[in-house]
Amino acid sequence: MFHRMLKTVIKKYSVSDERVGNRLGLTAPLDKYVPVCQRHQFETDEIPRAKKNGWPSDIDFAALPERVEEACMKKRLAAVMKNPTRSFFWREIQEDVKAGGKRAVMSTAAQYATFERTLPG
């Protein structure tokens, strides 16, 4: 997905931006390159972590309720609901709010970026 995004999005919207140490540098509008950077980070950090933890890369949503029951995830989810700070995603949102404020986090662009960042599989 990352390489496809590079080919389709970045190549289409990039313009030359030579800088010290990178005479072939490129730049693109913020709304075009941020999702690509986020996808790169996701593929570099989160996918290896998910594989290491044995998380599925393809989710069978029909079987999901049974898997949740079997894995006793109800208790874990209830604990997160009682104490949201236990949730990785909650902590990420809190950091985003600290960095950019509530309005920025609630914007359509930020919601899309969060969606992209938290995609399963």
N, C-alpha and C. Protein backbone atom coordinates (compact mmCIF):
# COMPACT_ATOMS: atom_id res chain seq x y z
N MET A 1 0.82 -1.19 0.00
CA MET A 1 0.00 0.00 0.00
C MET A 1 0.87 1.26 0.00
N PHE A 2 1.91 1.28 0.82
CA PHE A 2 2.79 2.45 0.89
C PHE A 2 3.42 2.76 -0.46
N HIS A 3 3.96 1.73 -1.10
CA HIS A 3 4.61 1.94 -2.40
C HIS A 3 3.60 2.39 -3.46
N ARG A 4 2.39 1.85 -3.38
CA ARG A 4 1.36 2.28 -4.32
C ARG A 4 1.02 3.76 -4.08
N MET A 5 0.94 4.15 -2.81
CA MET A 5 0.67 5.55 -2.49
C MET A 5 1.79 6.45 -3.02
N LEU A 6 3.03 6.00 -2.87
CA LEU A 6 4.15 6.79 -3.39
C LEU A 6 4.02 7.01 -4.89
N LYS A 7 3.69 5.94 -5.59
CA LYS A 7 3.59 6.03 -7.06
C LYS A 7 2.42 6.87 -7.51
N THR A 8 1.27 6.71 -6.87
CA THR A 8 0.07 7.40 -7.34
C THR A 8 -0.08 8.81 -6.77
N VAL A 9 0.11 8.94 -5.48
CA VAL A 9 -0.15 10.23 -4.84
C VAL A 9 1.05 11.16 -4.95
N ILE A 10 2.16 10.71 -4.43
CA ILE A 10 3.31 11.60 -4.34
C ILE A 10 3.85 11.98 -5.71
N LYS A 11 4.00 11.05 -6.60
CA LYS A 11 4.51 11.38 -7.93
C LYS A 11 3.60 12.37 -8.64
N LYS A 12 2.31 12.24 -8.43
CA LYS A 12 1.33 13.11 -9.10
C LYS A 12 1.37 14.54 -8.58
N TYR A 13 1.58 14.70 -7.28
CA TYR A 13 1.47 16.03 -6.66
C TYR A 13 2.81 16.64 -6.25
N SER A 14 3.89 15.93 -6.41
CA SER A 14 5.20 16.42 -5.96
C SER A 14 5.82 17.40 -6.93
N VAL A 15 6.59 18.30 -6.36
CA VAL A 15 7.41 19.22 -7.15
C VAL A 15 8.81 19.20 -6.57
N SER A 16 9.76 19.55 -7.37
CA SER A 16 11.15 19.54 -6.94
C SER A 16 11.36 20.50 -5.77
N ASP A 17 12.14 20.06 -4.79
CA ASP A 17 12.45 20.88 -3.62
C ASP A 17 13.86 20.52 -3.15
N GLU A 18 14.84 20.96 -3.93
CA GLU A 18 16.24 20.65 -3.61
C GLU A 18 16.61 21.26 -2.27
N ARG A 19 17.36 20.49 -1.46
CA ARG A 19 17.84 21.00 -0.18
C ARG A 19 19.21 20.41 0.12
N VAL A 20 19.85 20.96 1.13
CA VAL A 20 21.19 20.52 1.48
C VAL A 20 21.16 19.02 1.78
N GLY A 21 22.01 18.28 1.14
CA GLY A 21 22.09 16.84 1.37
C GLY A 21 21.10 16.03 0.55
N ASN A 22 20.21 16.70 -0.17
CA ASN A 22 19.24 15.97 -1.00
C ASN A 22 18.84 16.84 -2.19
N ARG A 23 19.68 16.80 -3.20
CA ARG A 23 19.41 17.63 -4.38
C ARG A 23 18.23 17.11 -5.19
N LEU A 24 17.79 15.89 -4.89
CA LEU A 24 16.64 15.32 -5.60
C LEU A 24 15.36 15.39 -4.75
N GLY A 25 15.40 16.22 -3.70
CA GLY A 25 14.26 16.32 -2.79
C GLY A 25 12.99 16.74 -3.49
N LEU A 26 11.88 16.30 -2.93
CA LEU A 26 10.56 16.64 -3.44
C LEU A 26 9.71 17.20 -2.31
N THR A 27 8.67 17.92 -2.67
CA THR A 27 7.69 18.36 -1.70
C THR A 27 6.32 18.22 -2.34
N ALA A 28 5.30 18.13 -1.50
CA ALA A 28 3.93 18.00 -1.97
C ALA A 28 3.02 18.73 -0.98
N PRO A 29 1.80 19.03 -1.37
CA PRO A 29 0.88 19.66 -0.43
C PRO A 29 0.69 18.78 0.81
N LEU A 30 0.56 19.43 1.94
CA LEU A 30 0.45 18.75 3.23
C LEU A 30 -0.62 17.66 3.22
N ASP A 31 -1.78 17.97 2.67
CA ASP A 31 -2.87 16.99 2.70
C ASP A 31 -2.59 15.77 1.81
N LYS A 32 -1.57 15.87 0.97
CA LYS A 32 -1.21 14.74 0.10
C LYS A 32 -0.12 13.88 0.73
N TYR A 33 0.86 14.51 1.38
CA TYR A 33 1.97 13.69 1.87
C TYR A 33 1.80 13.18 3.30
N VAL A 34 0.97 13.81 4.11
CA VAL A 34 0.78 13.33 5.48
C VAL A 34 0.22 11.90 5.51
N PRO A 35 -0.82 11.58 4.75
CA PRO A 35 -1.30 10.19 4.78
C PRO A 35 -0.22 9.19 4.32
N VAL A 36 0.63 9.60 3.39
CA VAL A 36 1.71 8.72 2.93
C VAL A 36 2.71 8.49 4.06
N CYS A 37 3.06 9.55 4.78
CA CYS A 37 3.98 9.42 5.91
C CYS A 37 3.37 8.53 7.00
N GLN A 38 2.09 8.72 7.25
CA GLN A 38 1.42 7.91 8.27
C GLN A 38 1.39 6.45 7.86
N ARG A 39 1.14 6.20 6.59
CA ARG A 39 1.11 4.81 6.12
C ARG A 39 2.50 4.19 6.24
N HIS A 40 3.52 4.98 5.92
CA HIS A 40 4.90 4.49 6.03
C HIS A 40 5.20 4.11 7.47
N GLN A 41 4.84 4.97 8.40
CA GLN A 41 5.07 4.67 9.81
C GLN A 41 4.29 3.44 10.23
N PHE A 42 3.04 3.33 9.77
CA PHE A 42 2.22 2.17 10.10
C PHE A 42 2.87 0.89 9.61
N GLU A 43 3.32 0.89 8.36
CA GLU A 43 3.92 -0.32 7.80
C GLU A 43 5.29 -0.62 8.42
N THR A 44 6.00 0.41 8.86
CA THR A 44 7.32 0.23 9.45
C THR A 44 7.24 -0.22 10.91
N ASP A 45 6.29 0.34 11.66
CA ASP A 45 6.22 0.09 13.10
C ASP A 45 5.10 -0.88 13.50
N GLU A 46 3.89 -0.58 13.06
CA GLU A 46 2.73 -1.29 13.57
C GLU A 46 2.55 -2.69 12.97
N ILE A 47 2.77 -2.84 11.68
CA ILE A 47 2.60 -4.17 11.08
C ILE A 47 3.59 -5.17 11.67
N PRO A 48 4.89 -4.83 11.80
CA PRO A 48 5.79 -5.79 12.45
C PRO A 48 5.39 -6.11 13.89
N ARG A 49 4.90 -5.11 14.62
CA ARG A 49 4.46 -5.34 16.00
C ARG A 49 3.25 -6.27 16.01
N ALA A 50 2.34 -6.07 15.08
CA ALA A 50 1.15 -6.92 15.00
C ALA A 50 1.55 -8.36 14.68
N LYS A 51 2.47 -8.52 13.73
CA LYS A 51 2.93 -9.87 13.38
C LYS A 51 3.61 -10.54 14.56
N LYS A 52 4.43 -9.76 15.26
CA LYS A 52 5.13 -10.28 16.43
C LYS A 52 4.15 -10.77 17.50
N ASN A 53 3.05 -10.05 17.64
CA ASN A 53 2.03 -10.41 18.64
C ASN A 53 1.04 -11.45 18.13
N GLY A 54 1.21 -11.88 16.88
CA GLY A 54 0.33 -12.91 16.34
C GLY A 54 -1.05 -12.42 15.96
N TRP A 55 -1.19 -11.11 15.73
CA TRP A 55 -2.48 -10.57 15.36
C TRP A 55 -2.79 -10.95 13.92
N PRO A 56 -4.05 -11.20 13.60
CA PRO A 56 -4.40 -11.58 12.23
C PRO A 56 -4.27 -10.38 11.28
N SER A 57 -3.86 -10.66 10.05
CA SER A 57 -3.78 -9.57 9.07
C SER A 57 -5.05 -9.50 8.24
N ASP A 58 -5.79 -10.58 8.18
CA ASP A 58 -7.11 -10.59 7.54
C ASP A 58 -8.13 -10.92 8.61
N ILE A 59 -9.11 -10.06 8.74
CA ILE A 59 -10.09 -10.24 9.81
C ILE A 59 -11.38 -10.83 9.24
N ASP A 60 -11.80 -11.94 9.81
CA ASP A 60 -13.07 -12.56 9.47
C ASP A 60 -14.11 -11.93 10.40
N PHE A 61 -14.79 -10.89 9.91
CA PHE A 61 -15.71 -10.14 10.77
C PHE A 61 -16.91 -10.97 11.20
N ALA A 62 -17.29 -11.98 10.43
CA ALA A 62 -18.40 -12.84 10.82
C ALA A 62 -18.03 -13.65 12.07
N ALA A 63 -16.77 -14.03 12.17
CA ALA A 63 -16.32 -14.84 13.32
C ALA A 63 -15.84 -13.98 14.49
N LEU A 64 -15.81 -12.69 14.30
CA LEU A 64 -15.25 -11.80 15.33
C LEU A 64 -15.97 -11.89 16.68
N PRO A 65 -17.30 -11.86 16.73
CA PRO A 65 -17.95 -11.93 18.05
C PRO A 65 -17.55 -13.18 18.84
N GLU A 66 -17.47 -14.31 18.14
CA GLU A 66 -17.08 -15.55 18.82
C GLU A 66 -15.63 -15.47 19.30
N ARG A 67 -14.76 -14.89 18.49
CA ARG A 67 -13.36 -14.75 18.90
C ARG A 67 -13.24 -13.86 20.12
N VAL A 68 -14.04 -12.81 20.17
CA VAL A 68 -14.00 -11.91 21.32
C VAL A 68 -14.43 -12.66 22.57
N GLU A 69 -15.50 -13.41 22.44
CA GLU A 69 -15.98 -14.21 23.58
C GLU A 69 -14.91 -15.21 24.03
N GLU A 70 -14.36 -15.94 23.07
CA GLU A 70 -13.40 -16.99 23.39
C GLU A 70 -12.14 -16.44 24.03
N ALA A 71 -11.71 -15.32 23.61
CA ALA A 71 -10.47 -14.74 24.11
C ALA A 71 -10.67 -13.96 25.40
N CYS A 72 -11.87 -14.00 25.92
CA CYS A 72 -12.18 -13.25 27.15
C CYS A 72 -11.88 -11.77 27.00
N MET A 73 -12.07 -11.29 25.79
CA MET A 73 -11.77 -9.88 25.55
C MET A 73 -12.81 -8.96 26.16
N LYS A 74 -13.97 -9.52 26.49
CA LYS A 74 -14.99 -8.69 27.11
C LYS A 74 -14.44 -8.02 28.37
N LYS A 75 -13.70 -8.80 29.17
CA LYS A 75 -13.15 -8.26 30.41
C LYS A 75 -12.13 -7.17 30.12
N ARG A 76 -11.29 -7.42 29.10
CA ARG A 76 -10.29 -6.42 28.73
C ARG A 76 -10.94 -5.15 28.20
N LEU A 77 -11.96 -5.32 27.35
CA LEU A 77 -12.65 -4.16 26.80
C LEU A 77 -13.37 -3.38 27.90
N ALA A 78 -13.97 -4.10 28.84
CA ALA A 78 -14.64 -3.43 29.96
C ALA A 78 -13.63 -2.64 30.78
N ALA A 79 -12.45 -3.20 30.97
CA ALA A 79 -11.40 -2.49 31.72
C ALA A 79 -10.99 -1.21 30.99
N VAL A 80 -10.89 -1.27 29.67
CA VAL A 80 -10.54 -0.07 28.90
C VAL A 80 -11.66 0.96 29.01
N MET A 81 -12.90 0.49 28.98
CA MET A 81 -14.02 1.42 29.10
C MET A 81 -14.02 2.12 30.46
N LYS A 82 -13.65 1.38 31.51
CA LYS A 82 -13.58 1.97 32.84
C LYS A 82 -12.39 2.92 32.98
N ASN A 83 -11.31 2.58 32.29
CA ASN A 83 -10.09 3.37 32.36
C ASN A 83 -9.51 3.55 30.96
N PRO A 84 -10.00 4.55 30.20
CA PRO A 84 -9.58 4.72 28.81
C PRO A 84 -8.07 4.89 28.61
N THR A 85 -7.36 5.31 29.64
CA THR A 85 -5.92 5.51 29.47
C THR A 85 -5.20 4.20 29.21
N ARG A 86 -5.86 3.07 29.40
CA ARG A 86 -5.26 1.77 29.10
C ARG A 86 -5.24 1.52 27.59
N SER A 87 -6.00 2.31 26.84
CA SER A 87 -6.11 2.12 25.40
C SER A 87 -5.03 2.88 24.67
N PHE A 88 -4.30 2.18 23.79
CA PHE A 88 -3.29 2.81 22.95
C PHE A 88 -3.92 3.93 22.12
N PHE A 89 -5.11 3.68 21.58
CA PHE A 89 -5.76 4.65 20.71
C PHE A 89 -6.18 5.89 21.48
N TRP A 90 -6.65 5.71 22.71
CA TRP A 90 -7.02 6.84 23.55
C TRP A 90 -5.79 7.72 23.84
N ARG A 91 -4.69 7.07 24.15
CA ARG A 91 -3.46 7.83 24.44
C ARG A 91 -3.00 8.59 23.20
N GLU A 92 -3.13 7.97 22.02
CA GLU A 92 -2.75 8.64 20.78
C GLU A 92 -3.60 9.90 20.57
N ILE A 93 -4.91 9.79 20.79
CA ILE A 93 -5.80 10.93 20.62
C ILE A 93 -5.45 12.03 21.62
N GLN A 94 -5.16 11.63 22.85
CA GLN A 94 -4.79 12.62 23.87
C GLN A 94 -3.53 13.38 23.46
N GLU A 95 -2.55 12.67 22.91
CA GLU A 95 -1.33 13.33 22.43
C GLU A 95 -1.65 14.28 21.29
N ASP A 96 -2.55 13.87 20.38
CA ASP A 96 -2.95 14.73 19.28
C ASP A 96 -3.63 15.99 19.79
N VAL A 97 -4.48 15.86 20.82
CA VAL A 97 -5.16 17.02 21.40
C VAL A 97 -4.15 17.96 22.02
N LYS A 98 -3.18 17.41 22.75
CA LYS A 98 -2.15 18.25 23.35
C LYS A 98 -1.35 19.00 22.29
N ALA A 99 -1.07 18.32 21.19
CA ALA A 99 -0.24 18.92 20.14
C ALA A 99 -0.99 19.95 19.32
N GLY A 100 -2.27 19.69 19.01
CA GLY A 100 -2.96 20.57 18.08
C GLY A 100 -4.27 21.14 18.57
N GLY A 101 -4.73 20.72 19.73
CA GLY A 101 -5.99 21.21 20.26
C GLY A 101 -7.17 20.36 19.82
N LYS A 102 -8.28 20.52 20.54
CA LYS A 102 -9.47 19.70 20.26
C LYS A 102 -10.03 19.97 18.87
N ARG A 103 -10.07 21.22 18.48
CA ARG A 103 -10.64 21.55 17.16
C ARG A 103 -9.87 20.88 16.04
N ALA A 104 -8.55 20.91 16.14
CA ALA A 104 -7.72 20.29 15.10
C ALA A 104 -7.97 18.79 15.04
N VAL A 105 -8.11 18.16 16.20
CA VAL A 105 -8.33 16.71 16.26
C VAL A 105 -9.71 16.35 15.73
N MET A 106 -10.67 17.24 15.90
CA MET A 106 -12.03 16.97 15.46
C MET A 106 -12.26 17.32 13.98
N SER A 107 -11.29 17.92 13.33
CA SER A 107 -11.46 18.30 11.93
C SER A 107 -11.60 17.06 11.05
N THR A 108 -12.18 17.25 9.90
CA THR A 108 -12.37 16.14 8.96
C THR A 108 -11.03 15.54 8.57
N ALA A 109 -10.05 16.38 8.31
CA ALA A 109 -8.72 15.89 7.92
C ALA A 109 -8.10 15.06 9.03
N ALA A 110 -8.23 15.50 10.27
CA ALA A 110 -7.66 14.77 11.39
C ALA A 110 -8.39 13.45 11.60
N GLN A 111 -9.70 13.46 11.43
CA GLN A 111 -10.45 12.21 11.59
C GLN A 111 -10.05 11.22 10.51
N TYR A 112 -9.85 11.69 9.30
CA TYR A 112 -9.41 10.82 8.22
C TYR A 112 -8.02 10.26 8.54
N ALA A 113 -7.13 11.12 9.01
CA ALA A 113 -5.77 10.69 9.35
C ALA A 113 -5.81 9.64 10.46
N THR A 114 -6.67 9.84 11.45
CA THR A 114 -6.80 8.87 12.53
C THR A 114 -7.34 7.56 11.99
N PHE A 115 -8.31 7.63 11.11
CA PHE A 115 -8.86 6.42 10.50
C PHE A 115 -7.77 5.66 9.76
N GLU A 116 -6.97 6.37 8.98
CA GLU A 116 -5.89 5.74 8.24
C GLU A 116 -4.89 5.10 9.20
N ARG A 117 -4.63 5.77 10.31
CA ARG A 117 -3.63 5.30 11.27
C ARG A 117 -4.08 4.06 12.01
N THR A 118 -5.38 3.85 12.12
CA THR A 118 -5.88 2.76 12.93
C THR A 118 -6.55 1.65 12.13
N LEU A 119 -6.28 1.60 10.84
CA LEU A 119 -6.88 0.56 10.01
C LEU A 119 -6.44 -0.82 10.47
N PRO A 120 -7.37 -1.78 10.52
CA PRO A 120 -6.98 -3.14 10.86
C PRO A 120 -6.28 -3.81 9.69
N GLY A 121 -5.44 -4.80 10.00
CA GLY A 121 -4.80 -5.59 8.97
C GLY A 121 -3.85 -4.79 8.22
